[in-house]
Amino acid sequence: MSDQERGMTLLELLVALAISALLMTALAAAFNASVVSFTQNHQIQQTVTRARQALTRITTELRTAAYVDPDQDPNLCSLERPDGQGITFEYRAQQKALYLVTGQGNEYLLCDNIPSMAFLKTPTADGANCRLVTIAITVQAGSSTQTFSAATALRRNL
């Protein structure tokens, strides 16, 4: 038999196996990095979406409110709806969460992963109601933080 017909030596097979193992390891590392990146981006997107939905809910309620307490703590925003129902938006720093609390005492989690939040209230000239409420909310997903803010005027106090 000639050298051309003998096939591959054991050394050649081991070298081919080592190269294949290196390529597979690199491919697995790239795939893992892709999955981790996707997961982080998905968490950020979900957190940002919940924060925007909460901000939209708050501004909608404030625009149509009959009354907003101007003297409350910056972590609270209590209002009375036109139908007379009272609700409170309450930021709980210990839990890093924003809750909607109804007049009946029911609590609904609107958003979590909130390191900081504040309601800044501008009272009317007589100080009995609010004219404007500014909301600042900072959300965190992993190592990424993003701050949203909105300001809304009470339509009844324009």
N, C-alpha and C. Protein backbone atom coordinates (compact mmCIF):
# COMPACT_ATOMS: atom_id res chain seq x y z
N MET A 1 0.82 -1.18 0.00
CA MET A 1 0.00 0.00 0.00
C MET A 1 0.86 1.25 0.00
N SER A 2 0.45 2.19 -0.78
CA SER A 2 1.23 3.42 -0.85
C SER A 2 0.81 4.37 0.28
N ASP A 3 1.60 5.43 0.46
CA ASP A 3 1.31 6.41 1.50
C ASP A 3 0.00 7.15 1.24
N GLN A 4 -0.37 7.26 0.00
CA GLN A 4 -1.59 7.97 -0.38
C GLN A 4 -2.84 7.22 0.10
N GLU A 5 -2.79 5.93 0.20
CA GLU A 5 -3.95 5.13 0.51
C GLU A 5 -4.08 4.75 1.99
N ARG A 6 -3.16 5.09 2.82
CA ARG A 6 -3.14 4.62 4.19
C ARG A 6 -4.18 5.31 5.08
N GLY A 7 -4.59 6.53 4.83
CA GLY A 7 -5.55 7.24 5.69
C GLY A 7 -4.84 8.21 6.62
N MET A 8 -5.51 8.52 7.71
CA MET A 8 -4.98 9.51 8.64
C MET A 8 -4.29 8.82 9.81
N THR A 9 -3.28 9.49 10.30
CA THR A 9 -2.58 8.96 11.46
C THR A 9 -3.32 9.37 12.73
N LEU A 10 -2.97 8.75 13.81
CA LEU A 10 -3.57 9.07 15.11
C LEU A 10 -3.29 10.52 15.49
N LEU A 11 -2.11 10.99 15.22
CA LEU A 11 -1.74 12.38 15.53
C LEU A 11 -2.61 13.35 14.74
N GLU A 12 -2.83 13.08 13.47
CA GLU A 12 -3.68 13.94 12.64
C GLU A 12 -5.12 13.97 13.18
N LEU A 13 -5.62 12.83 13.62
CA LEU A 13 -6.96 12.77 14.19
C LEU A 13 -7.05 13.58 15.49
N LEU A 14 -6.05 13.49 16.34
CA LEU A 14 -6.03 14.25 17.59
C LEU A 14 -5.97 15.75 17.33
N VAL A 15 -5.20 16.19 16.36
CA VAL A 15 -5.12 17.61 16.01
C VAL A 15 -6.48 18.10 15.48
N ALA A 16 -7.10 17.30 14.62
CA ALA A 16 -8.41 17.66 14.08
C ALA A 16 -9.45 17.73 15.20
N LEU A 17 -9.37 16.79 16.13
CA LEU A 17 -10.29 16.79 17.28
C LEU A 17 -10.08 18.01 18.16
N ALA A 18 -8.84 18.39 18.41
CA ALA A 18 -8.54 19.58 19.24
C ALA A 18 -9.05 20.85 18.57
N ILE A 19 -8.85 20.99 17.27
CA ILE A 19 -9.34 22.17 16.54
C ILE A 19 -10.86 22.22 16.58
N SER A 20 -11.51 21.07 16.39
CA SER A 20 -12.97 21.02 16.45
C SER A 20 -13.48 21.40 17.84
N ALA A 21 -12.79 20.93 18.88
CA ALA A 21 -13.19 21.27 20.25
C ALA A 21 -13.06 22.77 20.51
N LEU A 22 -12.00 23.38 20.02
CA LEU A 22 -11.82 24.83 20.18
C LEU A 22 -12.92 25.60 19.46
N LEU A 23 -13.26 25.18 18.26
CA LEU A 23 -14.31 25.85 17.49
C LEU A 23 -15.67 25.70 18.19
N MET A 24 -15.95 24.52 18.71
CA MET A 24 -17.23 24.29 19.41
C MET A 24 -17.29 25.12 20.71
N THR A 25 -16.17 25.24 21.41
CA THR A 25 -16.13 26.05 22.63
C THR A 25 -16.39 27.51 22.30
N ALA A 26 -15.77 28.01 21.26
CA ALA A 26 -15.99 29.40 20.84
C ALA A 26 -17.44 29.62 20.43
N LEU A 27 -18.01 28.67 19.72
CA LEU A 27 -19.41 28.77 19.31
C LEU A 27 -20.35 28.76 20.51
N ALA A 28 -20.07 27.90 21.49
CA ALA A 28 -20.90 27.84 22.70
C ALA A 28 -20.79 29.13 23.50
N ALA A 29 -19.61 29.71 23.60
CA ALA A 29 -19.42 30.97 24.32
C ALA A 29 -20.19 32.10 23.63
N ALA A 30 -20.13 32.15 22.32
CA ALA A 30 -20.87 33.18 21.58
C ALA A 30 -22.38 33.01 21.76
N PHE A 31 -22.85 31.78 21.72
CA PHE A 31 -24.28 31.52 21.92
C PHE A 31 -24.71 31.92 23.33
N ASN A 32 -23.90 31.57 24.34
CA ASN A 32 -24.21 31.92 25.73
C ASN A 32 -24.26 33.45 25.90
N ALA A 33 -23.31 34.16 25.33
CA ALA A 33 -23.30 35.63 25.41
C ALA A 33 -24.55 36.21 24.76
N SER A 34 -24.98 35.61 23.67
CA SER A 34 -26.18 36.06 22.99
C SER A 34 -27.42 35.86 23.87
N VAL A 35 -27.51 34.71 24.52
CA VAL A 35 -28.66 34.42 25.39
C VAL A 35 -28.67 35.37 26.59
N VAL A 36 -27.52 35.60 27.21
CA VAL A 36 -27.42 36.52 28.35
C VAL A 36 -27.82 37.92 27.93
N SER A 37 -27.33 38.38 26.80
CA SER A 37 -27.68 39.71 26.30
C SER A 37 -29.17 39.84 26.02
N PHE A 38 -29.75 38.82 25.40
CA PHE A 38 -31.19 38.83 25.13
C PHE A 38 -31.98 38.91 26.42
N THR A 39 -31.60 38.13 27.42
CA THR A 39 -32.30 38.11 28.70
C THR A 39 -32.24 39.48 29.38
N GLN A 40 -31.06 40.08 29.40
CA GLN A 40 -30.91 41.40 30.01
C GLN A 40 -31.74 42.45 29.27
N ASN A 41 -31.70 42.44 27.96
CA ASN A 41 -32.48 43.40 27.18
C ASN A 41 -33.97 43.20 27.38
N HIS A 42 -34.39 41.96 27.51
CA HIS A 42 -35.80 41.67 27.74
C HIS A 42 -36.24 42.19 29.11
N GLN A 43 -35.41 42.00 30.13
CA GLN A 43 -35.72 42.52 31.46
C GLN A 43 -35.80 44.04 31.46
N ILE A 44 -34.87 44.68 30.78
CA ILE A 44 -34.88 46.14 30.69
C ILE A 44 -36.14 46.61 29.99
N GLN A 45 -36.49 45.96 28.89
CA GLN A 45 -37.69 46.34 28.13
C GLN A 45 -38.94 46.18 28.97
N GLN A 46 -39.04 45.08 29.72
CA GLN A 46 -40.22 44.86 30.56
C GLN A 46 -40.32 45.91 31.67
N THR A 47 -39.20 46.22 32.30
CA THR A 47 -39.19 47.21 33.37
C THR A 47 -39.56 48.58 32.84
N VAL A 48 -39.00 48.97 31.72
CA VAL A 48 -39.31 50.28 31.11
C VAL A 48 -40.78 50.33 30.70
N THR A 49 -41.30 49.27 30.15
CA THR A 49 -42.71 49.24 29.75
C THR A 49 -43.62 49.41 30.96
N ARG A 50 -43.32 48.69 32.05
CA ARG A 50 -44.14 48.83 33.27
C ARG A 50 -44.07 50.25 33.82
N ALA A 51 -42.90 50.86 33.78
CA ALA A 51 -42.76 52.24 34.28
C ALA A 51 -43.55 53.21 33.41
N ARG A 52 -43.50 53.05 32.11
CA ARG A 52 -44.27 53.93 31.22
C ARG A 52 -45.77 53.74 31.40
N GLN A 53 -46.19 52.49 31.57
CA GLN A 53 -47.62 52.24 31.81
C GLN A 53 -48.07 52.87 33.13
N ALA A 54 -47.25 52.76 34.16
CA ALA A 54 -47.58 53.37 35.46
C ALA A 54 -47.65 54.89 35.32
N LEU A 55 -46.69 55.47 34.62
CA LEU A 55 -46.69 56.92 34.43
C LEU A 55 -47.91 57.37 33.64
N THR A 56 -48.30 56.62 32.64
CA THR A 56 -49.50 56.94 31.86
C THR A 56 -50.74 56.85 32.74
N ARG A 57 -50.82 55.82 33.56
CA ARG A 57 -51.97 55.65 34.47
C ARG A 57 -52.07 56.82 35.44
N ILE A 58 -50.93 57.20 36.01
CA ILE A 58 -50.92 58.29 36.99
C ILE A 58 -51.33 59.60 36.33
N THR A 59 -50.74 59.92 35.19
CA THR A 59 -51.07 61.20 34.54
C THR A 59 -52.52 61.25 34.08
N THR A 60 -53.05 60.13 33.62
CA THR A 60 -54.47 60.09 33.22
C THR A 60 -55.37 60.35 34.42
N GLU A 61 -55.08 59.70 35.54
CA GLU A 61 -55.89 59.91 36.75
C GLU A 61 -55.77 61.35 37.24
N LEU A 62 -54.57 61.91 37.19
CA LEU A 62 -54.37 63.28 37.67
C LEU A 62 -55.10 64.31 36.80
N ARG A 63 -55.05 64.11 35.49
CA ARG A 63 -55.70 65.07 34.59
C ARG A 63 -57.19 65.22 34.89
N THR A 64 -57.82 64.11 35.23
CA THR A 64 -59.27 64.13 35.43
C THR A 64 -59.67 64.23 36.91
N ALA A 65 -58.70 64.35 37.80
CA ALA A 65 -59.00 64.37 39.23
C ALA A 65 -59.77 65.62 39.63
N ALA A 66 -60.65 65.43 40.61
CA ALA A 66 -61.39 66.57 41.17
C ALA A 66 -60.55 67.28 42.23
N TYR A 67 -59.69 66.49 42.92
CA TYR A 67 -58.89 67.06 43.99
C TYR A 67 -57.61 66.24 44.15
N VAL A 68 -56.49 66.93 44.40
CA VAL A 68 -55.22 66.29 44.72
C VAL A 68 -54.68 66.98 45.97
N ASP A 69 -54.32 66.18 46.96
CA ASP A 69 -53.81 66.72 48.22
C ASP A 69 -52.43 67.35 47.99
N PRO A 70 -52.31 68.69 48.16
CA PRO A 70 -51.03 69.35 47.88
C PRO A 70 -50.00 69.23 49.00
N ASP A 71 -50.43 68.78 50.18
CA ASP A 71 -49.54 68.80 51.35
C ASP A 71 -48.97 67.43 51.72
N GLN A 72 -49.10 66.45 50.86
CA GLN A 72 -48.64 65.10 51.19
C GLN A 72 -47.14 64.94 50.98
N ASP A 73 -46.64 63.89 51.57
CA ASP A 73 -45.26 63.46 51.40
C ASP A 73 -44.97 63.27 49.89
N PRO A 74 -43.74 63.53 49.43
CA PRO A 74 -43.42 63.34 48.01
C PRO A 74 -43.54 61.89 47.53
N ASN A 75 -43.62 60.93 48.45
CA ASN A 75 -43.80 59.53 48.06
C ASN A 75 -45.26 59.16 47.84
N LEU A 76 -46.16 60.08 48.14
CA LEU A 76 -47.60 59.82 48.03
C LEU A 76 -48.26 60.84 47.12
N CYS A 77 -49.31 60.38 46.45
CA CYS A 77 -50.15 61.29 45.67
C CYS A 77 -51.59 60.78 45.80
N SER A 78 -52.35 61.45 46.67
CA SER A 78 -53.75 61.07 46.88
C SER A 78 -54.64 62.00 46.08
N LEU A 79 -55.64 61.41 45.47
CA LEU A 79 -56.55 62.22 44.66
C LEU A 79 -57.97 61.71 44.80
N GLU A 80 -58.87 62.58 44.43
CA GLU A 80 -60.28 62.19 44.39
C GLU A 80 -60.73 62.27 42.95
N ARG A 81 -61.30 61.16 42.48
CA ARG A 81 -61.82 61.10 41.12
C ARG A 81 -63.11 61.91 41.03
N PRO A 82 -63.55 62.25 39.83
CA PRO A 82 -64.81 62.98 39.68
C PRO A 82 -66.02 62.24 40.25
N ASP A 83 -65.96 60.90 40.31
CA ASP A 83 -67.08 60.13 40.86
C ASP A 83 -67.02 60.05 42.39
N GLY A 84 -66.04 60.71 43.00
CA GLY A 84 -65.93 60.74 44.45
C GLY A 84 -65.04 59.67 45.05
N GLN A 85 -64.59 58.73 44.25
CA GLN A 85 -63.69 57.68 44.75
C GLN A 85 -62.30 58.25 45.01
N GLY A 86 -61.72 57.85 46.12
CA GLY A 86 -60.37 58.28 46.43
C GLY A 86 -59.37 57.19 46.10
N ILE A 87 -58.23 57.57 45.55
CA ILE A 87 -57.14 56.64 45.30
C ILE A 87 -55.83 57.31 45.70
N THR A 88 -54.84 56.48 45.99
CA THR A 88 -53.51 56.98 46.34
C THR A 88 -52.47 56.20 45.56
N PHE A 89 -51.54 56.93 44.97
CA PHE A 89 -50.36 56.33 44.38
C PHE A 89 -49.28 56.43 45.44
N GLU A 90 -48.74 55.28 45.82
CA GLU A 90 -47.80 55.25 46.94
C GLU A 90 -46.50 54.56 46.53
N TYR A 91 -45.39 55.32 46.63
CA TYR A 91 -44.07 54.75 46.38
C TYR A 91 -43.52 54.25 47.71
N ARG A 92 -43.15 52.98 47.75
CA ARG A 92 -42.58 52.38 48.95
C ARG A 92 -41.10 52.10 48.70
N ALA A 93 -40.27 52.96 49.29
CA ALA A 93 -38.82 52.89 49.06
C ALA A 93 -38.23 51.57 49.54
N GLN A 94 -38.73 51.04 50.65
CA GLN A 94 -38.20 49.79 51.19
C GLN A 94 -38.37 48.64 50.19
N GLN A 95 -39.51 48.64 49.51
CA GLN A 95 -39.82 47.58 48.55
C GLN A 95 -39.41 47.94 47.13
N LYS A 96 -39.03 49.21 46.94
CA LYS A 96 -38.69 49.73 45.61
C LYS A 96 -39.84 49.48 44.64
N ALA A 97 -41.04 49.85 45.09
CA ALA A 97 -42.23 49.55 44.29
C ALA A 97 -43.25 50.68 44.39
N LEU A 98 -44.07 50.80 43.34
CA LEU A 98 -45.15 51.78 43.28
C LEU A 98 -46.47 51.03 43.32
N TYR A 99 -47.35 51.46 44.23
CA TYR A 99 -48.65 50.83 44.40
C TYR A 99 -49.77 51.83 44.15
N LEU A 100 -50.88 51.29 43.67
CA LEU A 100 -52.14 52.02 43.61
C LEU A 100 -52.99 51.48 44.75
N VAL A 101 -53.42 52.38 45.66
CA VAL A 101 -54.23 51.98 46.80
C VAL A 101 -55.60 52.64 46.64
N THR A 102 -56.65 51.82 46.61
CA THR A 102 -57.99 52.36 46.44
C THR A 102 -58.55 52.81 47.79
N GLY A 103 -59.65 53.53 47.74
CA GLY A 103 -60.32 53.97 48.95
C GLY A 103 -60.82 52.83 49.80
N GLN A 104 -61.02 51.67 49.18
CA GLN A 104 -61.48 50.49 49.91
C GLN A 104 -60.31 49.72 50.54
N GLY A 105 -59.09 50.19 50.31
CA GLY A 105 -57.91 49.55 50.88
C GLY A 105 -57.27 48.49 50.00
N ASN A 106 -57.78 48.29 48.80
CA ASN A 106 -57.15 47.33 47.87
C ASN A 106 -55.86 47.92 47.33
N GLU A 107 -54.84 47.08 47.22
CA GLU A 107 -53.54 47.51 46.72
C GLU A 107 -53.20 46.78 45.43
N TYR A 108 -52.67 47.53 44.48
CA TYR A 108 -52.27 46.96 43.20
C TYR A 108 -50.84 47.42 42.89
N LEU A 109 -49.97 46.47 42.62
CA LEU A 109 -48.60 46.80 42.25
C LEU A 109 -48.60 47.34 40.82
N LEU A 110 -48.13 48.56 40.65
CA LEU A 110 -48.05 49.15 39.32
C LEU A 110 -46.68 48.93 38.69
N CYS A 111 -45.63 49.03 39.51
CA CYS A 111 -44.28 48.90 38.97
C CYS A 111 -43.32 48.57 40.12
N ASP A 112 -42.33 47.75 39.82
CA ASP A 112 -41.30 47.46 40.82
C ASP A 112 -39.93 47.80 40.23
N ASN A 113 -38.88 47.51 40.97
CA ASN A 113 -37.51 47.87 40.56
C ASN A 113 -37.34 49.38 40.42
N ILE A 114 -37.89 50.11 41.40
CA ILE A 114 -37.82 51.57 41.38
C ILE A 114 -36.92 52.04 42.53
N PRO A 115 -35.68 52.44 42.24
CA PRO A 115 -34.82 52.92 43.31
C PRO A 115 -35.23 54.29 43.86
N SER A 116 -35.87 55.12 43.02
CA SER A 116 -36.33 56.42 43.51
C SER A 116 -37.53 56.91 42.71
N MET A 117 -38.37 57.68 43.42
CA MET A 117 -39.56 58.25 42.80
C MET A 117 -40.05 59.41 43.64
N ALA A 118 -40.63 60.40 42.99
CA ALA A 118 -41.17 61.54 43.74
C ALA A 118 -42.33 62.17 42.98
N PHE A 119 -43.29 62.68 43.77
CA PHE A 119 -44.40 63.47 43.24
C PHE A 119 -44.16 64.90 43.74
N LEU A 120 -43.96 65.83 42.83
CA LEU A 120 -43.79 67.24 43.19
C LEU A 120 -45.09 67.96 42.85
N LYS A 121 -45.74 68.53 43.88
CA LYS A 121 -47.06 69.12 43.70
C LYS A 121 -46.97 70.64 43.78
N THR A 122 -47.56 71.30 42.78
CA THR A 122 -47.67 72.75 42.77
C THR A 122 -49.09 73.11 43.16
N PRO A 123 -49.26 73.76 44.32
CA PRO A 123 -50.61 74.06 44.79
C PRO A 123 -51.25 75.21 44.00
N THR A 124 -52.57 75.29 44.09
CA THR A 124 -53.30 76.41 43.52
C THR A 124 -52.99 77.66 44.35
N ALA A 125 -53.43 78.81 43.90
CA ALA A 125 -53.14 80.07 44.59
C ALA A 125 -53.64 80.06 46.03
N ASP A 126 -54.79 79.44 46.27
CA ASP A 126 -55.31 79.39 47.64
C ASP A 126 -54.73 78.24 48.46
N GLY A 127 -53.93 77.35 47.84
CA GLY A 127 -53.28 76.25 48.53
C GLY A 127 -54.19 75.09 48.88
N ALA A 128 -55.43 75.12 48.41
CA ALA A 128 -56.39 74.09 48.79
C ALA A 128 -56.35 72.87 47.87
N ASN A 129 -55.75 72.99 46.70
CA ASN A 129 -55.73 71.91 45.72
C ASN A 129 -54.41 72.01 44.96
N CYS A 130 -54.18 71.11 44.04
CA CYS A 130 -52.99 71.16 43.19
C CYS A 130 -53.36 71.69 41.82
N ARG A 131 -52.45 72.45 41.28
CA ARG A 131 -52.60 72.95 39.93
C ARG A 131 -51.82 72.05 38.97
N LEU A 132 -50.66 71.59 39.44
CA LEU A 132 -49.74 70.82 38.59
C LEU A 132 -49.05 69.76 39.46
N VAL A 133 -48.84 68.58 38.89
CA VAL A 133 -48.09 67.52 39.57
C VAL A 133 -47.01 67.04 38.60
N THR A 134 -45.78 67.05 39.09
CA THR A 134 -44.64 66.55 38.32
C THR A 134 -44.21 65.23 38.95
N ILE A 135 -44.00 64.23 38.12
CA ILE A 135 -43.65 62.90 38.58
C ILE A 135 -42.28 62.54 38.02
N ALA A 136 -41.39 62.07 38.87
CA ALA A 136 -40.08 61.57 38.44
C ALA A 136 -39.94 60.15 38.95
N ILE A 137 -39.63 59.23 38.05
CA ILE A 137 -39.52 57.81 38.41
C ILE A 137 -38.25 57.25 37.78
N THR A 138 -37.44 56.61 38.60
CA THR A 138 -36.22 55.96 38.13
C THR A 138 -36.40 54.45 38.29
N VAL A 139 -36.20 53.72 37.20
CA VAL A 139 -36.33 52.27 37.23
C VAL A 139 -34.96 51.64 36.99
N GLN A 140 -34.81 50.42 37.50
CA GLN A 140 -33.55 49.71 37.37
C GLN A 140 -33.80 48.28 36.94
N ALA A 141 -33.03 47.84 35.96
CA ALA A 141 -33.04 46.45 35.53
C ALA A 141 -31.59 46.02 35.40
N GLY A 142 -31.17 45.16 36.30
CA GLY A 142 -29.75 44.77 36.31
C GLY A 142 -28.91 45.98 36.68
N SER A 143 -27.93 46.29 35.87
CA SER A 143 -27.06 47.44 36.13
C SER A 143 -27.52 48.68 35.38
N SER A 144 -28.58 48.56 34.62
CA SER A 144 -29.09 49.68 33.83
C SER A 144 -30.19 50.42 34.57
N THR A 145 -30.09 51.76 34.61
CA THR A 145 -31.14 52.58 35.21
C THR A 145 -31.62 53.60 34.18
N GLN A 146 -32.88 53.95 34.31
CA GLN A 146 -33.46 54.94 33.41
C GLN A 146 -34.47 55.76 34.19
N THR A 147 -34.46 57.07 33.96
CA THR A 147 -35.36 57.98 34.66
C THR A 147 -36.39 58.52 33.68
N PHE A 148 -37.65 58.50 34.12
CA PHE A 148 -38.75 59.06 33.35
C PHE A 148 -39.38 60.17 34.17
N SER A 149 -39.89 61.17 33.50
CA SER A 149 -40.61 62.22 34.22
C SER A 149 -41.79 62.69 33.36
N ALA A 150 -42.77 63.20 34.06
CA ALA A 150 -43.95 63.73 33.39
C ALA A 150 -44.55 64.79 34.30
N ALA A 151 -45.20 65.73 33.69
CA ALA A 151 -45.91 66.75 34.44
C ALA A 151 -47.32 66.84 33.86
N THR A 152 -48.28 66.97 34.74
CA THR A 152 -49.65 67.07 34.28
C THR A 152 -50.42 68.08 35.11
N ALA A 153 -51.26 68.81 34.43
CA ALA A 153 -52.11 69.81 35.10
C ALA A 153 -53.48 69.21 35.31
N LEU A 154 -54.08 69.54 36.45
CA LEU A 154 -55.44 69.11 36.71
C LEU A 154 -56.37 69.98 35.87
N ARG A 155 -57.17 69.39 35.04
CA ARG A 155 -58.01 70.15 34.12
C ARG A 155 -59.00 71.04 34.86
N ARG A 156 -59.42 70.63 36.03
CA ARG A 156 -60.39 71.42 36.79
C ARG A 156 -59.77 72.66 37.41
N ASN A 157 -58.43 72.72 37.44
CA ASN A 157 -57.76 73.83 38.10
C ASN A 157 -56.94 74.68 37.14
N LEU A 158 -57.26 74.62 35.87
CA LEU A 158 -56.52 75.43 34.88
C LEU A 158 -56.95 76.88 34.91
